[in-house]
């Protein structure tokens, strides 16, 4: 499960990078040789021209089709990690957008330049590529986080490098982002922890009985290890299992080598959840939670026909740990 958990965290980070990169490309609007146009109340916007790669094909800026890559990213995650239900967290980094315009149109409905068929189709097209409906659909999801700022007027041009300092200052001074960043940090810290079964649990009375361990992907040799657990100690952090506080983060949670390792006794039908509560806010699921005993057995390779992936012998409760000694062959 350690490898699987690391994969889950890697996919979350790759997912974040992909969204940041795609969002930047999706808003590309400036080109000396425009290939398509879009009209809004501020004038005519330009997009990058198509790019031809010899032997591969011609590619067009995907912004008009899918400006927010959230759906594509989730589809890619499902294809790359079919056994993972969902990523630990989703961080969508916006490039800024204008504030909604609440003013009524100054011109009458018969104004051809403003309300003719072509301008209205252009405005409809421009509104579609903003993909606001996609973000609204995921806004209430607890693992989805969106960081973005709003401009008073129109968005700066992509090649307007002189606007970078003012945009940076806007992001740093935007108080509405503080609570979102704090929430993102809580989910990121919780995703540093994962769970592994010690062995295949026994079935008794329709339940799984066994043990496992909560582990941390940051090792004691990492410079951030002490900072992490100092923070958790100051906040009286606790691990919750199925909605109940069970484990305090204290000195008993570390093994002989100084790494985090806390035993968990299981008595469950199949599914269970482990979450980390760091402050008065609600607890956040650790990496891969909620868990399924049957899926954990599969992911950890306990059912592998020829043993475990690391070639060590499997352990199963109810069977002796020491196999029978082999008889020495006698050669005549």
C-alpha atoms as a PDB file:
ATOM      1  CA  UNK A   1       0.000   0.000   0.000  1.00  0.00           C
ATOM      2  CA  UNK A   2       2.998   2.299   0.556  1.00  0.00           C
ATOM      3  CA  UNK A   3       3.756   2.300  -3.152  1.00  0.00           C
ATOM      4  CA  UNK A   4       0.099   2.778  -3.979  1.00  0.00           C
ATOM      5  CA  UNK A   5      -0.177   5.686  -1.549  1.00  0.00           C
ATOM      6  CA  UNK A   6       2.906   7.326  -2.985  1.00  0.00           C
ATOM      7  CA  UNK A   7       1.359   6.844  -6.426  1.00  0.00           C
ATOM      8  CA  UNK A   8      -1.828   8.529  -5.243  1.00  0.00           C
ATOM      9  CA  UNK A   9       0.131  11.495  -3.924  1.00  0.00           C
ATOM     10  CA  UNK A  10       2.188  11.648  -7.116  1.00  0.00           C
ATOM     11  CA  UNK A  11      -0.949  11.645  -9.218  1.00  0.00           C
ATOM     12  CA  UNK A  12      -2.330  14.508  -7.094  1.00  0.00           C
ATOM     13  CA  UNK A  13       0.786  16.602  -7.676  1.00  0.00           C
ATOM     14  CA  UNK A  14       0.926  15.743 -11.375  1.00  0.00           C
ATOM     15  CA  UNK A  15      -2.761  16.545 -11.571  1.00  0.00           C
ATOM     16  CA  UNK A  16      -2.119  19.964 -10.011  1.00  0.00           C
ATOM     17  CA  UNK A  17       0.769  20.714 -12.395  1.00  0.00           C
ATOM     18  CA  UNK A  18      -1.315  19.656 -15.392  1.00  0.00           C
ATOM     19  CA  UNK A  19      -4.161  21.934 -14.372  1.00  0.00           C
ATOM     20  CA  UNK A  20      -1.820  24.875 -13.818  1.00  0.00           C
ATOM     21  CA  UNK A  21      -0.127  24.377 -17.180  1.00  0.00           C
ATOM     22  CA  UNK A  22      -3.364  23.748 -19.039  1.00  0.00           C
ATOM     23  CA  UNK A  23      -5.070  26.746 -17.464  1.00  0.00           C
ATOM     24  CA  UNK A  24      -2.245  28.993 -18.634  1.00  0.00           C
ATOM     25  CA  UNK A  25      -2.394  27.629 -22.152  1.00  0.00           C
ATOM     26  CA  UNK A  26      -6.175  27.705 -22.164  1.00  0.00           C
ATOM     27  CA  UNK A  27      -6.210  31.485 -21.668  1.00  0.00           C
ATOM     28  CA  UNK A  28      -3.742  32.190 -24.481  1.00  0.00           C
ATOM     29  CA  UNK A  29      -5.197  35.021 -26.539  1.00  0.00           C
ATOM     30  CA  UNK A  30      -2.372  36.912 -28.234  1.00  0.00           C
ATOM     31  CA  UNK A  31      -0.729  36.129 -31.538  1.00  0.00           C
ATOM     32  CA  UNK A  32       0.812  38.074 -34.407  1.00  0.00           C
ATOM     33  CA  UNK A  33      -1.038  35.753 -36.829  1.00  0.00           C
ATOM     34  CA  UNK A  34      -4.436  35.041 -35.249  1.00  0.00           C
ATOM     35  CA  UNK A  35      -6.199  31.853 -36.293  1.00  0.00           C
ATOM     36  CA  UNK A  36      -9.573  32.478 -34.610  1.00  0.00           C
ATOM     37  CA  UNK A  37     -11.349  35.410 -33.006  1.00  0.00           C
ATOM     38  CA  UNK A  38     -13.832  36.029 -30.206  1.00  0.00           C
ATOM     39  CA  UNK A  39     -15.777  39.223 -29.525  1.00  0.00           C
ATOM     40  CA  UNK A  40     -16.867  40.669 -26.193  1.00  0.00           C
ATOM     41  CA  UNK A  41     -17.786  44.118 -24.882  1.00  0.00           C
ATOM     42  CA  UNK A  42     -14.149  45.163 -24.773  1.00  0.00           C
ATOM     43  CA  UNK A  43     -13.288  44.322 -28.366  1.00  0.00           C
ATOM     44  CA  UNK A  44     -11.698  41.553 -30.353  1.00  0.00           C
ATOM     45  CA  UNK A  45      -9.552  38.849 -28.729  1.00  0.00           C
ATOM     46  CA  UNK A  46      -6.937  36.769 -30.460  1.00  0.00           C
ATOM     47  CA  UNK A  47      -5.754  33.203 -29.931  1.00  0.00           C
ATOM     48  CA  UNK A  48      -2.518  31.424 -30.631  1.00  0.00           C
ATOM     49  CA  UNK A  49      -2.159  30.268 -34.247  1.00  0.00           C
ATOM     50  CA  UNK A  50      -2.149  26.510 -34.908  1.00  0.00           C
ATOM     51  CA  UNK A  51       1.190  24.789 -34.399  1.00  0.00           C
ATOM     52  CA  UNK A  52       2.359  22.254 -36.970  1.00  0.00           C
ATOM     53  CA  UNK A  53       4.730  19.474 -35.926  1.00  0.00           C
ATOM     54  CA  UNK A  54       6.281  17.694 -38.876  1.00  0.00           C
ATOM     55  CA  UNK A  55       5.276  14.059 -39.004  1.00  0.00           C
ATOM     56  CA  UNK A  56       2.764  14.454 -36.173  1.00  0.00           C
ATOM     57  CA  UNK A  57       0.092  16.922 -37.250  1.00  0.00           C
ATOM     58  CA  UNK A  58      -1.338  20.381 -36.650  1.00  0.00           C
ATOM     59  CA  UNK A  59      -2.510  21.392 -33.170  1.00  0.00           C
ATOM     60  CA  UNK A  60      -4.800  24.224 -32.077  1.00  0.00           C
ATOM     61  CA  UNK A  61      -5.100  26.004 -28.721  1.00  0.00           C
ATOM     62  CA  UNK A  62      -7.611  23.892 -26.750  1.00  0.00           C
ATOM     63  CA  UNK A  63      -8.947  26.851 -24.752  1.00  0.00           C
ATOM     64  CA  UNK A  64     -12.097  27.362 -26.834  1.00  0.00           C
ATOM     65  CA  UNK A  65     -12.994  23.693 -26.412  1.00  0.00           C
ATOM     66  CA  UNK A  66     -12.013  23.146 -22.795  1.00  0.00           C
ATOM     67  CA  UNK A  67     -10.586  26.095 -20.913  1.00  0.00           C
ATOM     68  CA  UNK A  68     -10.767  24.338 -17.542  1.00  0.00           C
ATOM     69  CA  UNK A  69      -8.978  20.945 -17.845  1.00  0.00           C
ATOM     70  CA  UNK A  70     -10.698  19.454 -14.781  1.00  0.00           C
ATOM     71  CA  UNK A  71     -12.742  16.838 -16.648  1.00  0.00           C
ATOM     72  CA  UNK A  72      -9.776  15.816 -18.801  1.00  0.00           C
ATOM     73  CA  UNK A  73      -7.531  15.573 -15.743  1.00  0.00           C
ATOM     74  CA  UNK A  74     -10.008  13.358 -13.886  1.00  0.00           C
ATOM     75  CA  UNK A  75     -10.363  11.151 -16.962  1.00  0.00           C
ATOM     76  CA  UNK A  76      -6.589  10.848 -17.202  1.00  0.00           C
ATOM     77  CA  UNK A  77      -6.338   9.911 -13.514  1.00  0.00           C
ATOM     78  CA  UNK A  78      -8.981   7.207 -13.981  1.00  0.00           C
ATOM     79  CA  UNK A  79      -7.091   5.808 -16.982  1.00  0.00           C
ATOM     80  CA  UNK A  80      -3.674   5.817 -15.276  1.00  0.00           C
ATOM     81  CA  UNK A  81      -4.871   4.611 -11.860  1.00  0.00           C
ATOM     82  CA  UNK A  82      -7.986   2.471 -12.430  1.00  0.00           C
ATOM     83  CA  UNK A  83      -7.927   1.076  -8.875  1.00  0.00           C
ATOM     84  CA  UNK A  84      -7.993   4.530  -7.265  1.00  0.00           C
ATOM     85  CA  UNK A  85     -11.482   5.907  -6.599  1.00  0.00           C
ATOM     86  CA  UNK A  86     -10.448   9.577  -6.572  1.00  0.00           C
ATOM     87  CA  UNK A  87      -7.340  11.707  -5.912  1.00  0.00           C
ATOM     88  CA  UNK A  88      -6.552  12.825  -2.374  1.00  0.00           C
ATOM     89  CA  UNK A  89      -7.145  16.447  -3.335  1.00  0.00           C
ATOM     90  CA  UNK A  90      -7.591  18.570  -6.450  1.00  0.00           C
ATOM     91  CA  UNK A  91      -5.939  21.985  -6.613  1.00  0.00           C
ATOM     92  CA  UNK A  92      -7.063  24.163  -9.523  1.00  0.00           C
ATOM     93  CA  UNK A  93      -4.879  27.256 -10.060  1.00  0.00           C
ATOM     94  CA  UNK A  94      -6.622  30.004 -11.997  1.00  0.00           C
ATOM     95  CA  UNK A  95      -4.955  32.753 -14.011  1.00  0.00           C
ATOM     96  CA  UNK A  96      -7.463  35.441 -13.022  1.00  0.00           C
ATOM     97  CA  UNK A  97     -10.789  36.499 -14.464  1.00  0.00           C
ATOM     98  CA  UNK A  98     -12.830  39.724 -14.676  1.00  0.00           C
ATOM     99  CA  UNK A  99     -15.477  40.355 -12.058  1.00  0.00           C
ATOM    100  CA  UNK A 100     -19.041  39.670 -13.220  1.00  0.00           C
ATOM    101  CA  UNK A 101     -20.506  42.702 -14.971  1.00  0.00           C
ATOM    102  CA  UNK A 102     -23.803  43.621 -13.278  1.00  0.00           C
ATOM    103  CA  UNK A 103     -24.444  46.687 -15.447  1.00  0.00           C
ATOM    104  CA  UNK A 104     -27.322  46.731 -17.935  1.00  0.00           C
ATOM    105  CA  UNK A 105     -26.371  47.052 -21.610  1.00  0.00           C
ATOM    106  CA  UNK A 106     -26.257  50.774 -22.564  1.00  0.00           C
ATOM    107  CA  UNK A 107     -27.614  50.119 -26.055  1.00  0.00           C
ATOM    108  CA  UNK A 108     -31.055  49.060 -27.188  1.00  0.00           C
ATOM    109  CA  UNK A 109     -31.933  45.580 -28.447  1.00  0.00           C
ATOM    110  CA  UNK A 110     -31.927  46.795 -32.060  1.00  0.00           C
ATOM    111  CA  UNK A 111     -28.289  47.845 -31.978  1.00  0.00           C
ATOM    112  CA  UNK A 112     -26.827  45.625 -34.714  1.00  0.00           C
ATOM    113  CA  UNK A 113     -23.213  46.077 -33.663  1.00  0.00           C
ATOM    114  CA  UNK A 114     -23.966  45.103 -30.073  1.00  0.00           C
ATOM    115  CA  UNK A 115     -26.944  42.727 -30.274  1.00  0.00           C
ATOM    116  CA  UNK A 116     -26.778  41.380 -33.797  1.00  0.00           C
ATOM    117  CA  UNK A 117     -26.581  37.651 -34.453  1.00  0.00           C
ATOM    118  CA  UNK A 118     -22.795  37.526 -34.898  1.00  0.00           C
ATOM    119  CA  UNK A 119     -21.900  39.539 -31.724  1.00  0.00           C
ATOM    120  CA  UNK A 120     -24.354  37.475 -29.659  1.00  0.00           C
ATOM    121  CA  UNK A 121     -22.904  34.214 -30.970  1.00  0.00           C
ATOM    122  CA  UNK A 122     -19.406  35.491 -30.174  1.00  0.00           C
ATOM    123  CA  UNK A 123     -20.404  36.375 -26.605  1.00  0.00           C
ATOM    124  CA  UNK A 124     -22.049  32.977 -26.196  1.00  0.00           C
ATOM    125  CA  UNK A 125     -18.889  31.297 -27.484  1.00  0.00           C
ATOM    126  CA  UNK A 126     -16.711  33.349 -25.134  1.00  0.00           C
ATOM    127  CA  UNK A 127     -18.907  32.502 -22.130  1.00  0.00           C
ATOM    128  CA  UNK A 128     -18.815  28.814 -23.006  1.00  0.00           C
ATOM    129  CA  UNK A 129     -15.024  28.579 -23.036  1.00  0.00           C
ATOM    130  CA  UNK A 130     -14.849  29.953 -19.489  1.00  0.00           C
ATOM    131  CA  UNK A 131     -16.193  26.571 -18.286  1.00  0.00           C
ATOM    132  CA  UNK A 132     -17.886  28.096 -15.244  1.00  0.00           C
ATOM    133  CA  UNK A 133     -20.422  25.270 -15.125  1.00  0.00           C
ATOM    134  CA  UNK A 134     -17.614  22.738 -14.713  1.00  0.00           C
ATOM    135  CA  UNK A 135     -16.203  24.582 -11.705  1.00  0.00           C
ATOM    136  CA  UNK A 136     -19.660  25.068 -10.199  1.00  0.00           C
ATOM    137  CA  UNK A 137     -20.352  21.336 -10.448  1.00  0.00           C
ATOM    138  CA  UNK A 138     -17.228  20.524  -8.406  1.00  0.00           C
ATOM    139  CA  UNK A 139     -17.312  23.559  -6.123  1.00  0.00           C
ATOM    140  CA  UNK A 140     -19.102  21.709  -3.311  1.00  0.00           C
ATOM    141  CA  UNK A 141     -16.775  18.685  -3.484  1.00  0.00           C
ATOM    142  CA  UNK A 142     -14.629  18.673  -0.312  1.00  0.00           C
ATOM    143  CA  UNK A 143     -11.486  17.589  -2.194  1.00  0.00           C
ATOM    144  CA  UNK A 144     -11.735  20.281  -4.872  1.00  0.00           C
ATOM    145  CA  UNK A 145      -9.966  23.586  -4.205  1.00  0.00           C
ATOM    146  CA  UNK A 146      -9.876  26.586  -6.549  1.00  0.00           C
ATOM    147  CA  UNK A 147      -7.441  29.500  -6.215  1.00  0.00           C
ATOM    148  CA  UNK A 148      -8.173  32.466  -8.461  1.00  0.00           C
ATOM    149  CA  UNK A 149      -8.319  36.259  -8.413  1.00  0.00           C
ATOM    150  CA  UNK A 150     -10.746  38.691 -10.045  1.00  0.00           C
ATOM    151  CA  UNK A 151      -9.774  41.785 -11.995  1.00  0.00           C
ATOM    152  CA  UNK A 152     -11.719  45.033 -11.777  1.00  0.00           C
ATOM    153  CA  UNK A 153     -11.653  45.395 -15.558  1.00  0.00           C
ATOM    154  CA  UNK A 154     -10.569  43.217 -18.427  1.00  0.00           C
ATOM    155  CA  UNK A 155      -7.860  40.585 -18.061  1.00  0.00           C
ATOM    156  CA  UNK A 156      -4.315  41.707 -18.917  1.00  0.00           C
ATOM    157  CA  UNK A 157      -2.953  40.582 -22.258  1.00  0.00           C
ATOM    158  CA  UNK A 158      -0.835  37.457 -22.177  1.00  0.00           C
ATOM    159  CA  UNK A 159       2.217  39.385 -23.398  1.00  0.00           C
ATOM    160  CA  UNK A 160       1.744  42.244 -20.908  1.00  0.00           C
ATOM    161  CA  UNK A 161       4.744  41.452 -18.710  1.00  0.00           C
ATOM    162  CA  UNK A 162       4.535  44.825 -16.968  1.00  0.00           C
ATOM    163  CA  UNK A 163       1.310  43.667 -15.277  1.00  0.00           C
ATOM    164  CA  UNK A 164       3.041  40.783 -13.488  1.00  0.00           C
ATOM    165  CA  UNK A 165       4.067  42.758 -10.331  1.00  0.00           C
ATOM    166  CA  UNK A 166       0.558  44.172  -9.855  1.00  0.00           C
ATOM    167  CA  UNK A 167      -1.052  40.759 -10.419  1.00  0.00           C
ATOM    168  CA  UNK A 168       1.349  39.219  -7.893  1.00  0.00           C
ATOM    169  CA  UNK A 169       0.448  41.906  -5.361  1.00  0.00           C
ATOM    170  CA  UNK A 170      -3.271  41.272  -5.957  1.00  0.00           C
ATOM    171  CA  UNK A 171      -2.851  37.577  -5.194  1.00  0.00           C
ATOM    172  CA  UNK A 172      -0.854  38.278  -2.025  1.00  0.00           C
ATOM    173  CA  UNK A 173      -3.323  40.879  -0.742  1.00  0.00           C
ATOM    174  CA  UNK A 174      -6.521  38.985  -1.605  1.00  0.00           C
ATOM    175  CA  UNK A 175      -7.845  38.006   1.832  1.00  0.00           C
ATOM    176  CA  UNK A 176     -10.498  35.752   0.315  1.00  0.00           C
ATOM    177  CA  UNK A 177      -7.732  33.285  -0.634  1.00  0.00           C
ATOM    178  CA  UNK A 178      -6.429  32.850   2.926  1.00  0.00           C
ATOM    179  CA  UNK A 179      -9.113  30.438   4.115  1.00  0.00           C
ATOM    180  CA  UNK A 180      -8.832  28.400   0.903  1.00  0.00           C
ATOM    181  CA  UNK A 181      -5.038  28.131   1.241  1.00  0.00           C
ATOM    182  CA  UNK A 182      -5.394  27.060   4.886  1.00  0.00           C
ATOM    183  CA  UNK A 183      -7.883  24.375   3.880  1.00  0.00           C
ATOM    184  CA  UNK A 184      -5.633  23.157   1.061  1.00  0.00           C
ATOM    185  CA  UNK A 185      -2.717  22.874   3.506  1.00  0.00           C
ATOM    186  CA  UNK A 186      -4.815  20.693   5.837  1.00  0.00           C
ATOM    187  CA  UNK A 187      -5.639  18.281   3.016  1.00  0.00           C
ATOM    188  CA  UNK A 188      -2.035  18.206   1.811  1.00  0.00           C
ATOM    189  CA  UNK A 189      -0.717  17.394   5.288  1.00  0.00           C
ATOM    190  CA  UNK A 190      -3.311  14.641   5.768  1.00  0.00           C
ATOM    191  CA  UNK A 191      -2.315  13.108   2.409  1.00  0.00           C
ATOM    192  CA  UNK A 192       1.237  12.597   3.731  1.00  0.00           C
ATOM    193  CA  UNK A 193      -0.108   9.701   5.831  1.00  0.00           C
ATOM    194  CA  UNK A 194      -1.232   6.331   4.494  1.00  0.00           C
ATOM    195  CA  UNK A 195      -2.336   2.945   5.816  1.00  0.00           C
ATOM    196  CA  UNK A 196      -0.981  -0.576   5.324  1.00  0.00           C
ATOM    197  CA  UNK A 197      -2.316  -3.922   6.479  1.00  0.00           C
ATOM    198  CA  UNK A 198       0.059  -6.011   8.577  1.00  0.00           C
ATOM    199  CA  UNK A 199      -1.319  -9.239   7.107  1.00  0.00           C
ATOM    200  CA  UNK A 200      -4.507 -10.655   5.609  1.00  0.00           C
ATOM    201  CA  UNK A 201      -7.251 -10.125   8.218  1.00  0.00           C
ATOM    202  CA  UNK A 202      -9.277 -13.070   9.503  1.00  0.00           C
ATOM    203  CA  UNK A 203     -12.990 -13.404   8.830  1.00  0.00           C
ATOM    204  CA  UNK A 204     -15.030 -13.853  11.987  1.00  0.00           C
ATOM    205  CA  UNK A 205     -18.767 -13.355  12.390  1.00  0.00           C
ATOM    206  CA  UNK A 206     -19.017 -11.618   9.031  1.00  0.00           C
ATOM    207  CA  UNK A 207     -16.273  -9.124   9.943  1.00  0.00           C
ATOM    208  CA  UNK A 208     -12.588  -8.649   9.209  1.00  0.00           C
ATOM    209  CA  UNK A 209     -10.344  -8.839  12.277  1.00  0.00           C
ATOM    210  CA  UNK A 210      -6.726  -7.779  11.903  1.00  0.00           C
ATOM    211  CA  UNK A 211      -4.103  -5.093  12.363  1.00  0.00           C
ATOM    212  CA  UNK A 212      -2.376  -2.496  10.261  1.00  0.00           C
ATOM    213  CA  UNK A 213      -0.274   0.641  10.598  1.00  0.00           C
ATOM    214  CA  UNK A 214      -0.604   4.330   9.790  1.00  0.00           C
ATOM    215  CA  UNK A 215       2.661   5.453   8.203  1.00  0.00           C
ATOM    216  CA  UNK A 216       4.066   8.759   6.980  1.00  0.00           C
ATOM    217  CA  UNK A 217       5.694   9.282   3.585  1.00  0.00           C
ATOM    218  CA  UNK A 218       8.129  11.804   5.117  1.00  0.00           C
ATOM    219  CA  UNK A 219      10.968   9.990   6.837  1.00  0.00           C
ATOM    220  CA  UNK A 220      12.798  11.164   9.957  1.00  0.00           C
ATOM    221  CA  UNK A 221      15.850  12.087   7.857  1.00  0.00           C
ATOM    222  CA  UNK A 222      13.803  14.662   5.914  1.00  0.00           C
ATOM    223  CA  UNK A 223      14.317  18.297   7.044  1.00  0.00           C
ATOM    224  CA  UNK A 224      10.553  18.816   7.147  1.00  0.00           C
ATOM    225  CA  UNK A 225       9.878  15.829   9.410  1.00  0.00           C
ATOM    226  CA  UNK A 226      10.393  17.640  12.714  1.00  0.00           C
ATOM    227  CA  UNK A 227       8.546  20.744  11.508  1.00  0.00           C
ATOM    228  CA  UNK A 228       5.562  18.604  10.498  1.00  0.00           C
ATOM    229  CA  UNK A 229       5.203  16.843  13.821  1.00  0.00           C
ATOM    230  CA  UNK A 230       5.912  20.001  15.831  1.00  0.00           C
ATOM    231  CA  UNK A 231       2.939  21.546  14.044  1.00  0.00           C
ATOM    232  CA  UNK A 232       0.737  18.495  14.673  1.00  0.00           C
ATOM    233  CA  UNK A 233       1.787  18.424  18.337  1.00  0.00           C
ATOM    234  CA  UNK A 234       0.933  22.107  18.845  1.00  0.00           C
ATOM    235  CA  UNK A 235      -2.511  21.579  17.335  1.00  0.00           C
ATOM    236  CA  UNK A 236      -3.157  18.409  19.424  1.00  0.00           C
ATOM    237  CA  UNK A 237      -3.745  16.474  16.214  1.00  0.00           C
ATOM    238  CA  UNK A 238      -5.656  13.192  16.318  1.00  0.00           C
ATOM    239  CA  UNK A 239      -6.376  10.354  13.932  1.00  0.00           C
ATOM    240  CA  UNK A 240     -10.055   9.544  13.638  1.00  0.00           C
ATOM    241  CA  UNK A 241     -11.317   6.120  12.572  1.00  0.00           C
ATOM    242  CA  UNK A 242     -14.872   5.935  11.261  1.00  0.00           C
ATOM    243  CA  UNK A 243     -15.686   9.362  12.698  1.00  0.00           C
ATOM    244  CA  UNK A 244     -14.332   8.771  16.210  1.00  0.00           C
ATOM    245  CA  UNK A 245     -11.046  10.078  17.735  1.00  0.00           C
ATOM    246  CA  UNK A 246      -8.806   7.084  18.401  1.00  0.00           C
ATOM    247  CA  UNK A 247      -5.118   8.030  18.196  1.00  0.00           C
ATOM    248  CA  UNK A 248      -3.296  11.092  19.545  1.00  0.00           C
ATOM    249  CA  UNK A 249      -0.164  12.183  17.696  1.00  0.00           C
ATOM    250  CA  UNK A 250       2.433  11.825  20.462  1.00  0.00           C
ATOM    251  CA  UNK A 251       5.754  10.124  21.207  1.00  0.00           C
ATOM    252  CA  UNK A 252       4.148   6.660  21.121  1.00  0.00           C
ATOM    253  CA  UNK A 253       3.625   7.017  17.365  1.00  0.00           C
ATOM    254  CA  UNK A 254       7.279   6.575  16.405  1.00  0.00           C
ATOM    255  CA  UNK A 255       9.231   3.362  15.873  1.00  0.00           C
ATOM    256  CA  UNK A 256      12.778   2.559  16.958  1.00  0.00           C
ATOM    257  CA  UNK A 257      14.214   4.291  13.902  1.00  0.00           C
ATOM    258  CA  UNK A 258      12.362   7.515  14.649  1.00  0.00           C
ATOM    259  CA  UNK A 259       9.852   7.180  11.798  1.00  0.00           C
ATOM    260  CA  UNK A 260       6.112   7.559  12.248  1.00  0.00           C
ATOM    261  CA  UNK A 261       4.391   4.180  12.653  1.00  0.00           C
ATOM    262  CA  UNK A 262       1.197   3.674  14.643  1.00  0.00           C
ATOM    263  CA  UNK A 263      -0.639   0.357  14.948  1.00  0.00           C
ATOM    264  CA  UNK A 264      -4.370   0.197  14.261  1.00  0.00           C
ATOM    265  CA  UNK A 265      -6.587  -2.719  15.324  1.00  0.00           C
ATOM    266  CA  UNK A 266      -9.333  -3.448  12.819  1.00  0.00           C
ATOM    267  CA  UNK A 267     -12.800  -4.887  13.413  1.00  0.00           C
ATOM    268  CA  UNK A 268     -14.875  -3.920  10.387  1.00  0.00           C
ATOM    269  CA  UNK A 269     -17.364  -5.237   7.843  1.00  0.00           C
ATOM    270  CA  UNK A 270     -15.120  -4.163   4.964  1.00  0.00           C
ATOM    271  CA  UNK A 271     -14.931  -0.391   4.559  1.00  0.00           C
ATOM    272  CA  UNK A 272     -13.417   2.040   7.043  1.00  0.00           C
ATOM    273  CA  UNK A 273     -12.095   5.596   7.010  1.00  0.00           C
ATOM    274  CA  UNK A 274      -9.036   7.142   8.662  1.00  0.00           C
ATOM    275  CA  UNK A 275      -8.809  10.923   8.914  1.00  0.00           C
ATOM    276  CA  UNK A 276      -6.446  13.438  10.515  1.00  0.00           C
ATOM    277  CA  UNK A 277      -7.964  16.228  12.628  1.00  0.00           C
ATOM    278  CA  UNK A 278      -5.467  19.070  12.960  1.00  0.00           C
ATOM    279  CA  UNK A 279      -7.528  21.974  14.325  1.00  0.00           C
ATOM    280  CA  UNK A 280     -11.139  22.876  15.194  1.00  0.00           C
ATOM    281  CA  UNK A 281     -12.028  22.338  11.533  1.00  0.00           C
ATOM    282  CA  UNK A 282     -13.261  18.951  10.375  1.00  0.00           C
ATOM    283  CA  UNK A 283     -10.875  15.998   9.918  1.00  0.00           C
ATOM    284  CA  UNK A 284      -9.317  15.319   6.491  1.00  0.00           C
ATOM    285  CA  UNK A 285      -8.963  11.816   5.053  1.00  0.00           C
ATOM    286  CA  UNK A 286      -5.435  10.437   4.857  1.00  0.00           C
ATOM    287  CA  UNK A 287      -4.151   9.191   1.508  1.00  0.00           C
ATOM    288  CA  UNK A 288      -6.433   6.571  -0.031  1.00  0.00           C
ATOM    289  CA  UNK A 289      -9.152   6.851   2.639  1.00  0.00           C
ATOM    290  CA  UNK A 290     -11.862   5.590   2.846  1.00  0.00           C
ATOM    291  CA  UNK A 291     -10.426   2.086   2.572  1.00  0.00           C
ATOM    292  CA  UNK A 292     -11.770  -1.298   1.620  1.00  0.00           C
ATOM    293  CA  UNK A 293     -10.218  -4.418   3.160  1.00  0.00           C
ATOM    294  CA  UNK A 294     -10.664  -6.380  -0.055  1.00  0.00           C
ATOM    295  CA  UNK A 295      -9.027  -3.632  -2.122  1.00  0.00           C
ATOM    296  CA  UNK A 296      -6.146  -3.253   0.341  1.00  0.00           C
ATOM    297  CA  UNK A 297      -5.461  -6.997   0.120  1.00  0.00           C
ATOM    298  CA  UNK A 298      -5.360  -6.695  -3.662  1.00  0.00           C
ATOM    299  CA  UNK A 299      -3.226  -3.540  -3.762  1.00  0.00           C
ATOM    300  CA  UNK A 300      -0.684  -4.871  -1.277  1.00  0.00           C
ATOM    301  CA  UNK A 301      -0.260  -8.047  -3.296  1.00  0.00           C
ATOM    302  CA  UNK A 302      -1.366 -10.459  -0.577  1.00  0.00           C
ATOM    303  CA  UNK A 303      -3.267 -12.497  -3.176  1.00  0.00           C
ATOM    304  CA  UNK A 304      -0.344 -12.704  -5.619  1.00  0.00           C
ATOM    305  CA  UNK A 305      -0.035 -16.278  -6.887  1.00  0.00           C
ATOM    306  CA  UNK A 306       3.740 -16.402  -6.547  1.00  0.00           C
ATOM    307  CA  UNK A 307       4.076 -14.407  -3.351  1.00  0.00           C
ATOM    308  CA  UNK A 308       4.365 -10.734  -2.630  1.00  0.00           C
ATOM    309  CA  UNK A 309       5.736  -8.201  -5.131  1.00  0.00           C
ATOM    310  CA  UNK A 310       8.842  -7.779  -2.928  1.00  0.00           C
ATOM    311  CA  UNK A 311       9.337 -11.604  -3.042  1.00  0.00           C
ATOM    312  CA  UNK A 312       8.886 -11.972   0.722  1.00  0.00           C
ATOM    313  CA  UNK A 313       6.578 -14.658   2.055  1.00  0.00           C
ATOM    314  CA  UNK A 314       3.000 -13.639   2.819  1.00  0.00           C
ATOM    315  CA  UNK A 315       1.761 -13.667   6.390  1.00  0.00           C
ATOM    316  CA  UNK A 316      -1.791 -14.625   7.226  1.00  0.00           C
ATOM    317  CA  UNK A 317      -3.419 -14.756  10.639  1.00  0.00           C
ATOM    318  CA  UNK A 318      -4.298 -18.262  11.731  1.00  0.00           C
ATOM    319  CA  UNK A 319      -1.293 -19.882  10.079  1.00  0.00           C
ATOM    320  CA  UNK A 320       2.077 -20.599  11.658  1.00  0.00           C
ATOM    321  CA  UNK A 321       4.757 -18.026  10.857  1.00  0.00           C
ATOM    322  CA  UNK A 322       7.481 -20.679  10.629  1.00  0.00           C
ATOM    323  CA  UNK A 323       6.938 -23.171   7.814  1.00  0.00           C
ATOM    324  CA  UNK A 324       7.915 -26.789   8.236  1.00  0.00           C
ATOM    325  CA  UNK A 325      11.628 -27.413   7.903  1.00  0.00           C
ATOM    326  CA  UNK A 326      12.620 -29.116   4.698  1.00  0.00           C
ATOM    327  CA  UNK A 327      14.133 -32.593   4.973  1.00  0.00           C
ATOM    328  CA  UNK A 328      17.684 -32.834   3.795  1.00  0.00           C
ATOM    329  CA  UNK A 329      18.066 -35.037   0.787  1.00  0.00           C
ATOM    330  CA  UNK A 330      20.377 -38.023   1.120  1.00  0.00           C
ATOM    331  CA  UNK A 331      22.419 -38.847  -1.924  1.00  0.00           C
ATOM    332  CA  UNK A 332      23.415 -42.467  -2.405  1.00  0.00           C
END
